Amino acid sequence: MMTLDIDDDTASLLRHLSEQEHVSPAQLIKNLLSEYLEDLADAAAGDAALAELTSGKDDTISLAEWEQQLNALGR
């Protein structure tokens, strides 16, 4: 359980949005926080993949090369 202290304007906006979404303010906060944290994790994974790619630790092939490999496997 957590307690969140927000200003009146934010609380009003939260109530308004929760009514629009037909969920409780607490559920709306849970949903938004979960989405935000997933986005952060995705961004971190993307940054890590880009770092590997630019450092040369990850091999890439062109779409044409990939299609040739698939064709060679009979797929």
C-alpha atoms as a PDB file:
ATOM      1  CA  MET A   1       0.000   0.000   0.000  1.00  0.00           C
ATOM      2  CA  MET A   2       1.248   3.489  -0.865  1.00  0.00           C
ATOM      3  CA  THR A   3      -0.014   6.961  -0.215  1.00  0.00           C
ATOM      4  CA  LEU A   4       0.301   9.644  -2.858  1.00  0.00           C
ATOM      5  CA  ASP A   5       0.193  13.340  -2.034  1.00  0.00           C
ATOM      6  CA  ILE A   6      -0.886  15.405  -5.058  1.00  0.00           C
ATOM      7  CA  ASP A   7      -2.006  18.986  -5.477  1.00  0.00           C
ATOM      8  CA  ASP A   8      -5.670  19.911  -5.913  1.00  0.00           C
ATOM      9  CA  ASP A   9      -5.408  20.584  -9.648  1.00  0.00           C
ATOM     10  CA  THR A  10      -3.838  17.194 -10.285  1.00  0.00           C
ATOM     11  CA  ALA A  11      -6.415  15.475  -8.063  1.00  0.00           C
ATOM     12  CA  SER A  12      -9.213  17.167  -9.986  1.00  0.00           C
ATOM     13  CA  LEU A  13      -7.745  16.086 -13.308  1.00  0.00           C
ATOM     14  CA  LEU A  14      -7.290  12.561 -11.992  1.00  0.00           C
ATOM     15  CA  ARG A  15     -10.919  12.371 -10.880  1.00  0.00           C
ATOM     16  CA  HIS A  16     -12.095  13.706 -14.241  1.00  0.00           C
ATOM     17  CA  LEU A  17      -9.985  11.220 -16.208  1.00  0.00           C
ATOM     18  CA  SER A  18     -10.978   8.309 -13.990  1.00  0.00           C
ATOM     19  CA  GLU A  19     -14.637   9.121 -14.641  1.00  0.00           C
ATOM     20  CA  GLN A  20     -13.992   9.206 -18.385  1.00  0.00           C
ATOM     21  CA  GLU A  21     -12.199   5.849 -18.227  1.00  0.00           C
ATOM     22  CA  HIS A  22     -14.801   4.342 -15.863  1.00  0.00           C
ATOM     23  CA  VAL A  23     -12.177   3.262 -13.352  1.00  0.00           C
ATOM     24  CA  SER A  24     -11.330   4.387  -9.857  1.00  0.00           C
ATOM     25  CA  PRO A  25      -8.625   7.037  -9.445  1.00  0.00           C
ATOM     26  CA  ALA A  26      -6.455   4.405  -7.729  1.00  0.00           C
ATOM     27  CA  GLN A  27      -6.846   2.003 -10.672  1.00  0.00           C
ATOM     28  CA  LEU A  28      -6.094   4.773 -13.160  1.00  0.00           C
ATOM     29  CA  ILE A  29      -2.881   5.591 -11.292  1.00  0.00           C
ATOM     30  CA  LYS A  30      -1.920   1.895 -11.224  1.00  0.00           C
ATOM     31  CA  ASN A  31      -2.570   1.579 -14.967  1.00  0.00           C
ATOM     32  CA  LEU A  32      -0.649   4.737 -15.858  1.00  0.00           C
ATOM     33  CA  LEU A  33       2.279   3.876 -13.609  1.00  0.00           C
ATOM     34  CA  SER A  34       2.466   0.353 -15.006  1.00  0.00           C
ATOM     35  CA  GLU A  35       2.451   1.640 -18.593  1.00  0.00           C
ATOM     36  CA  TYR A  36       5.101   4.234 -17.769  1.00  0.00           C
ATOM     37  CA  LEU A  37       7.379   1.685 -16.098  1.00  0.00           C
ATOM     38  CA  GLU A  38       6.993  -0.693 -19.056  1.00  0.00           C
ATOM     39  CA  ASP A  39       7.885   2.160 -21.416  1.00  0.00           C
ATOM     40  CA  LEU A  40      11.012   2.908 -19.361  1.00  0.00           C
ATOM     41  CA  ALA A  41      12.043  -0.750 -19.462  1.00  0.00           C
ATOM     42  CA  ASP A  42      11.458  -0.879 -23.234  1.00  0.00           C
ATOM     43  CA  ALA A  43      13.514   2.284 -23.729  1.00  0.00           C
ATOM     44  CA  ALA A  44      16.349   0.870 -21.617  1.00  0.00           C
ATOM     45  CA  ALA A  45      16.305  -2.370 -23.626  1.00  0.00           C
ATOM     46  CA  GLY A  46      16.369  -0.366 -26.845  1.00  0.00           C
ATOM     47  CA  ASP A  47      19.282   1.724 -25.601  1.00  0.00           C
ATOM     48  CA  ALA A  48      21.179  -1.434 -24.637  1.00  0.00           C
ATOM     49  CA  ALA A  49      20.525  -3.016 -28.043  1.00  0.00           C
ATOM     50  CA  LEU A  50      21.659   0.154 -29.821  1.00  0.00           C
ATOM     51  CA  ALA A  51      24.813   0.270 -27.701  1.00  0.00           C
ATOM     52  CA  GLU A  52      25.617  -3.344 -28.638  1.00  0.00           C
ATOM     53  CA  LEU A  53      24.969  -2.632 -32.288  1.00  0.00           C
ATOM     54  CA  THR A  54      27.105   0.509 -32.423  1.00  0.00           C
ATOM     55  CA  SER A  55      29.935  -1.147 -30.464  1.00  0.00           C
ATOM     56  CA  GLY A  56      30.103  -3.996 -32.969  1.00  0.00           C
ATOM     57  CA  LYS A  57      29.140  -6.658 -30.422  1.00  0.00           C
ATOM     58  CA  ASP A  58      25.985  -7.496 -32.360  1.00  0.00           C
ATOM     59  CA  ASP A  59      25.924  -8.749 -35.934  1.00  0.00           C
ATOM     60  CA  THR A  60      23.265  -7.550 -38.321  1.00  0.00           C
ATOM     61  CA  ILE A  61      22.273  -8.698 -41.763  1.00  0.00           C
ATOM     62  CA  SER A  62      20.242  -7.052 -44.466  1.00  0.00           C
ATOM     63  CA  LEU A  63      16.678  -8.064 -45.236  1.00  0.00           C
ATOM     64  CA  ALA A  64      17.886  -9.574 -48.506  1.00  0.00           C
ATOM     65  CA  GLU A  65      20.447 -11.711 -46.653  1.00  0.00           C
ATOM     66  CA  TRP A  66      17.800 -12.825 -44.177  1.00  0.00           C
ATOM     67  CA  GLU A  67      15.441 -13.792 -47.011  1.00  0.00           C
ATOM     68  CA  GLN A  68      18.255 -15.755 -48.697  1.00  0.00           C
ATOM     69  CA  GLN A  69      18.864 -17.666 -45.474  1.00  0.00           C
ATOM     70  CA  LEU A  70      15.169 -18.430 -45.132  1.00  0.00           C
ATOM     71  CA  ASN A  71      14.984 -19.584 -48.760  1.00  0.00           C
ATOM     72  CA  ALA A  72      18.020 -21.801 -48.236  1.00  0.00           C
ATOM     73  CA  LEU A  73      16.178 -23.478 -45.356  1.00  0.00           C
ATOM     74  CA  GLY A  74      13.195 -24.079 -47.638  1.00  0.00           C
ATOM     75  CA  ARG A  75      10.834 -21.764 -45.805  1.00  0.00           C
END
